[in-house]
Amino acid sequence: MDFLYAKHDEIVENLFLFFRDQLERDPHATLKQVEQELNALYIRYGNDWTGRGIIGDNTQQATIAGLEAVRAECLARLGHRSTRLS
């Protein structure tokens, strides 16, 4: 289980670092990109009829968590209170 927790934290941290420069330059465009990716990930997460397994589930959950953190930072920088932008 320690491996799963460590991997989860690594994925979340790396995603936030990946988007750091984009957050500085254009939080609105970053928000749009992240929300599109999250929409696809949530659909893929619900379509697990073949079974990803514990590692696949952990990776998907961590990716969603990391992108949600980036999304929250975008919203904070843009001064939005809404949960979803169109």
N, C-alpha and C. Protein backbone atom coordinates (compact mmCIF):
# COMPACT_ATOMS: atom_id res chain seq x y z
N MET A 1 0.81 -1.20 0.00
CA MET A 1 0.00 0.00 0.00
C MET A 1 0.85 1.26 0.00
N ASP A 2 2.01 1.21 0.63
CA ASP A 2 2.88 2.39 0.62
C ASP A 2 3.25 2.79 -0.80
N PHE A 3 3.45 1.78 -1.66
CA PHE A 3 3.77 2.06 -3.06
C PHE A 3 2.64 2.86 -3.71
N LEU A 4 1.40 2.46 -3.46
CA LEU A 4 0.27 3.15 -4.07
C LEU A 4 0.16 4.59 -3.59
N TYR A 5 0.35 4.80 -2.29
CA TYR A 5 0.29 6.16 -1.75
C TYR A 5 1.42 7.03 -2.33
N ALA A 6 2.61 6.46 -2.40
CA ALA A 6 3.76 7.21 -2.94
C ALA A 6 3.54 7.54 -4.41
N LYS A 7 3.04 6.58 -5.17
CA LYS A 7 2.79 6.81 -6.59
C LYS A 7 1.70 7.85 -6.79
N HIS A 8 0.66 7.77 -5.98
CA HIS A 8 -0.44 8.76 -6.05
C HIS A 8 0.12 10.16 -5.83
N ASP A 9 0.88 10.34 -4.77
CA ASP A 9 1.45 11.65 -4.46
C ASP A 9 2.39 12.14 -5.56
N GLU A 10 3.17 11.22 -6.12
CA GLU A 10 4.09 11.58 -7.20
C GLU A 10 3.34 12.08 -8.43
N ILE A 11 2.27 11.40 -8.80
CA ILE A 11 1.48 11.80 -9.97
C ILE A 11 0.84 13.17 -9.75
N VAL A 12 0.24 13.37 -8.59
CA VAL A 12 -0.40 14.65 -8.28
C VAL A 12 0.62 15.78 -8.34
N GLU A 13 1.75 15.58 -7.69
CA GLU A 13 2.79 16.62 -7.67
C GLU A 13 3.33 16.91 -9.06
N ASN A 14 3.60 15.87 -9.84
CA ASN A 14 4.15 16.08 -11.18
C ASN A 14 3.16 16.77 -12.12
N LEU A 15 1.88 16.47 -11.97
CA LEU A 15 0.90 17.17 -12.79
C LEU A 15 0.85 18.66 -12.47
N PHE A 16 0.89 18.97 -11.19
CA PHE A 16 0.87 20.37 -10.80
C PHE A 16 2.13 21.08 -11.32
N LEU A 17 3.28 20.43 -11.22
CA LEU A 17 4.52 21.02 -11.73
C LEU A 17 4.47 21.19 -13.24
N PHE A 18 3.87 20.23 -13.93
CA PHE A 18 3.76 20.30 -15.39
C PHE A 18 2.98 21.54 -15.82
N PHE A 19 1.92 21.86 -15.10
CA PHE A 19 1.06 22.99 -15.48
C PHE A 19 1.48 24.32 -14.84
N ARG A 20 2.50 24.32 -14.02
CA ARG A 20 2.89 25.53 -13.28
C ARG A 20 3.14 26.73 -14.20
N ASP A 21 3.93 26.55 -15.24
CA ASP A 21 4.23 27.66 -16.15
C ASP A 21 2.98 28.12 -16.91
N GLN A 22 2.16 27.17 -17.30
CA GLN A 22 0.93 27.52 -18.01
C GLN A 22 -0.03 28.29 -17.10
N LEU A 23 -0.05 27.93 -15.83
CA LEU A 23 -0.87 28.66 -14.86
C LEU A 23 -0.44 30.12 -14.76
N GLU A 24 0.85 30.34 -14.81
CA GLU A 24 1.37 31.71 -14.73
C GLU A 24 1.02 32.51 -15.98
N ARG A 25 1.18 31.89 -17.15
CA ARG A 25 0.98 32.59 -18.41
C ARG A 25 -0.48 32.83 -18.75
N ASP A 26 -1.29 31.79 -18.63
CA ASP A 26 -2.68 31.91 -19.09
C ASP A 26 -3.58 30.94 -18.31
N PRO A 27 -4.03 31.36 -17.12
CA PRO A 27 -4.86 30.46 -16.32
C PRO A 27 -6.19 30.11 -16.99
N HIS A 28 -6.73 31.00 -17.82
CA HIS A 28 -8.01 30.71 -18.48
C HIS A 28 -7.85 29.58 -19.49
N ALA A 29 -6.82 29.64 -20.31
CA ALA A 29 -6.58 28.57 -21.29
C ALA A 29 -6.23 27.26 -20.58
N THR A 30 -5.48 27.36 -19.51
CA THR A 30 -5.13 26.17 -18.74
C THR A 30 -6.38 25.53 -18.15
N LEU A 31 -7.28 26.37 -17.64
CA LEU A 31 -8.53 25.88 -17.08
C LEU A 31 -9.33 25.12 -18.14
N LYS A 32 -9.42 25.68 -19.31
CA LYS A 32 -10.17 25.03 -20.39
C LYS A 32 -9.54 23.68 -20.74
N GLN A 33 -8.24 23.64 -20.86
CA GLN A 33 -7.54 22.40 -21.20
C GLN A 33 -7.74 21.34 -20.11
N VAL A 34 -7.60 21.75 -18.86
CA VAL A 34 -7.72 20.82 -17.74
C VAL A 34 -9.15 20.30 -17.62
N GLU A 35 -10.14 21.16 -17.81
CA GLU A 35 -11.53 20.72 -17.71
C GLU A 35 -11.88 19.73 -18.83
N GLN A 36 -11.34 19.94 -20.02
CA GLN A 36 -11.59 18.99 -21.10
C GLN A 36 -10.99 17.62 -20.77
N GLU A 37 -9.79 17.64 -20.24
CA GLU A 37 -9.14 16.39 -19.86
C GLU A 37 -9.90 15.71 -18.72
N LEU A 38 -10.35 16.48 -17.75
CA LEU A 38 -11.11 15.91 -16.63
C LEU A 38 -12.41 15.28 -17.12
N ASN A 39 -13.10 15.93 -18.03
CA ASN A 39 -14.34 15.35 -18.58
C ASN A 39 -14.07 13.97 -19.18
N ALA A 40 -13.00 13.85 -19.95
CA ALA A 40 -12.65 12.57 -20.56
C ALA A 40 -12.26 11.54 -19.49
N LEU A 41 -11.51 11.99 -18.49
CA LEU A 41 -11.07 11.07 -17.44
C LEU A 41 -12.23 10.55 -16.60
N TYR A 42 -13.18 11.42 -16.29
CA TYR A 42 -14.34 10.98 -15.51
C TYR A 42 -15.16 9.95 -16.29
N ILE A 43 -15.29 10.14 -17.59
CA ILE A 43 -16.00 9.16 -18.42
C ILE A 43 -15.22 7.85 -18.43
N ARG A 44 -13.92 7.94 -18.66
CA ARG A 44 -13.09 6.73 -18.69
C ARG A 44 -13.10 6.03 -17.33
N TYR A 45 -13.12 6.79 -16.26
CA TYR A 45 -13.13 6.20 -14.92
C TYR A 45 -14.41 5.40 -14.70
N GLY A 46 -15.52 5.89 -15.22
CA GLY A 46 -16.79 5.19 -15.08
C GLY A 46 -16.94 4.00 -16.01
N ASN A 47 -16.12 3.93 -17.04
CA ASN A 47 -16.19 2.84 -18.02
C ASN A 47 -15.15 1.76 -17.71
N ASP A 48 -15.23 1.18 -16.55
CA ASP A 48 -14.24 0.20 -16.13
C ASP A 48 -14.79 -1.22 -16.19
N TRP A 49 -15.50 -1.53 -17.24
CA TRP A 49 -16.12 -2.85 -17.33
C TRP A 49 -15.10 -3.96 -17.58
N THR A 50 -13.89 -3.63 -18.06
CA THR A 50 -12.87 -4.66 -18.26
C THR A 50 -11.97 -4.81 -17.05
N GLY A 51 -12.03 -3.89 -16.12
CA GLY A 51 -11.23 -3.97 -14.90
C GLY A 51 -9.80 -3.49 -15.09
N ARG A 52 -9.50 -2.34 -14.56
CA ARG A 52 -8.16 -1.78 -14.65
C ARG A 52 -7.22 -2.40 -13.63
N GLY A 53 -7.78 -2.81 -12.51
CA GLY A 53 -6.94 -3.30 -11.42
C GLY A 53 -6.57 -2.18 -10.48
N ILE A 54 -5.95 -2.54 -9.38
CA ILE A 54 -5.66 -1.57 -8.32
C ILE A 54 -4.65 -0.51 -8.76
N ILE A 55 -3.67 -0.91 -9.56
CA ILE A 55 -2.67 0.06 -10.03
C ILE A 55 -3.30 1.03 -11.02
N GLY A 56 -4.08 0.51 -11.95
CA GLY A 56 -4.76 1.37 -12.92
C GLY A 56 -5.73 2.33 -12.26
N ASP A 57 -6.49 1.83 -11.30
CA ASP A 57 -7.42 2.70 -10.57
C ASP A 57 -6.68 3.79 -9.82
N ASN A 58 -5.59 3.42 -9.16
CA ASN A 58 -4.80 4.39 -8.40
C ASN A 58 -4.24 5.47 -9.31
N THR A 59 -3.73 5.06 -10.45
CA THR A 59 -3.17 6.02 -11.41
C THR A 59 -4.25 6.97 -11.92
N GLN A 60 -5.41 6.42 -12.23
CA GLN A 60 -6.50 7.26 -12.73
C GLN A 60 -6.98 8.23 -11.65
N GLN A 61 -7.14 7.74 -10.43
CA GLN A 61 -7.58 8.59 -9.32
C GLN A 61 -6.57 9.70 -9.05
N ALA A 62 -5.29 9.37 -9.11
CA ALA A 62 -4.25 10.37 -8.87
C ALA A 62 -4.23 11.41 -9.98
N THR A 63 -4.43 10.98 -11.20
CA THR A 63 -4.46 11.92 -12.33
C THR A 63 -5.63 12.87 -12.18
N ILE A 64 -6.78 12.35 -11.81
CA ILE A 64 -7.95 13.20 -11.59
C ILE A 64 -7.69 14.17 -10.44
N ALA A 65 -7.11 13.67 -9.35
CA ALA A 65 -6.82 14.54 -8.20
C ALA A 65 -5.84 15.65 -8.58
N GLY A 66 -4.81 15.31 -9.33
CA GLY A 66 -3.84 16.30 -9.76
C GLY A 66 -4.45 17.37 -10.65
N LEU A 67 -5.27 16.94 -11.59
CA LEU A 67 -5.92 17.89 -12.48
C LEU A 67 -6.96 18.74 -11.75
N GLU A 68 -7.63 18.17 -10.77
CA GLU A 68 -8.57 18.95 -9.96
C GLU A 68 -7.82 20.02 -9.16
N ALA A 69 -6.61 19.70 -8.69
CA ALA A 69 -5.80 20.69 -7.98
C ALA A 69 -5.39 21.83 -8.90
N VAL A 70 -5.01 21.49 -10.11
CA VAL A 70 -4.66 22.52 -11.10
C VAL A 70 -5.89 23.36 -11.42
N ARG A 71 -7.02 22.70 -11.58
CA ARG A 71 -8.28 23.40 -11.86
C ARG A 71 -8.61 24.38 -10.74
N ALA A 72 -8.47 23.93 -9.50
CA ALA A 72 -8.75 24.80 -8.35
C ALA A 72 -7.82 26.01 -8.34
N GLU A 73 -6.57 25.80 -8.68
CA GLU A 73 -5.62 26.92 -8.73
C GLU A 73 -5.99 27.89 -9.84
N CYS A 74 -6.41 27.37 -10.99
CA CYS A 74 -6.87 28.24 -12.08
C CYS A 74 -8.03 29.10 -11.62
N LEU A 75 -9.02 28.46 -11.00
CA LEU A 75 -10.20 29.20 -10.54
C LEU A 75 -9.81 30.25 -9.50
N ALA A 76 -8.89 29.91 -8.61
CA ALA A 76 -8.45 30.88 -7.60
C ALA A 76 -7.78 32.08 -8.27
N ARG A 77 -6.95 31.82 -9.25
CA ARG A 77 -6.26 32.92 -9.94
C ARG A 77 -7.23 33.78 -10.75
N LEU A 78 -8.28 33.16 -11.26
CA LEU A 78 -9.26 33.90 -12.05
C LEU A 78 -10.35 34.53 -11.18
N GLY A 79 -10.36 34.21 -9.90
CA GLY A 79 -11.33 34.79 -8.99
C GLY A 79 -12.72 34.21 -9.11
N HIS A 80 -12.84 32.99 -9.62
CA HIS A 80 -14.14 32.34 -9.79
C HIS A 80 -14.52 31.54 -8.55
N ARG A 81 -15.81 31.49 -8.30
CA ARG A 81 -16.34 30.66 -7.22
C ARG A 81 -17.11 29.47 -7.76
N SER A 82 -17.40 29.47 -9.06
CA SER A 82 -18.22 28.40 -9.63
C SER A 82 -17.44 27.09 -9.64
N THR A 83 -18.18 25.99 -9.76
CA THR A 83 -17.54 24.68 -9.79
C THR A 83 -17.19 24.24 -11.20
N ARG A 84 -17.84 24.74 -12.20
CA ARG A 84 -17.53 24.42 -13.59
C ARG A 84 -17.72 25.64 -14.46
N LEU A 85 -16.81 25.81 -15.39
CA LEU A 85 -16.95 26.88 -16.38
C LEU A 85 -17.38 26.28 -17.69
N SER A 86 -18.07 27.06 -18.48
CA SER A 86 -18.51 26.56 -19.80
C SER A 86 -17.56 27.04 -20.86
